[in-house]
Amino acid sequence: MLIRRKRGWEIPESQATPESVFLSRRALLGAGAGLIGAGALPGLAAAQGAGPADPSASLYPAKRNPTYTLDRPVTPEAAASTVNNYYEFGTNYDVAKAAAKLKVRPWTVRIEGL
């Protein structure tokens, strides 16, 4: 038989969050979404203009680290860059065509259902 003693700091789950806060959680989430949206407005205004250059452009091609040497042939770029283990684009490994259609800049976030 399991004998469980509650510690002094443990409270029932029903007391962890007041019921009024729990019932108005959608309003709380909506207010948070409004704050996030208001913070995005300056960025949207900047996107209307010429816009900044690609922030990741200076990262590629990556410089080779001389500490590490190659002791075997390098995997061909076509093989290394077209296999994907994630299911966002499909359930097989041949998802390069679908992934190439993904638009990553400018990224748009839409909050719905509130």
Foldseek 3Di string as FASTA:
>chain_A
DDDDDDDPPDDDPCPPDPPVCVVCVVVVVVVVVVVVVVVCVVVVVQVVPPHDDDPCPVPPPPDDDPVDDDPDDDDDPVVVVQADPDPPQHNHRRRNVSVVPDDVPPDDDDDDDD
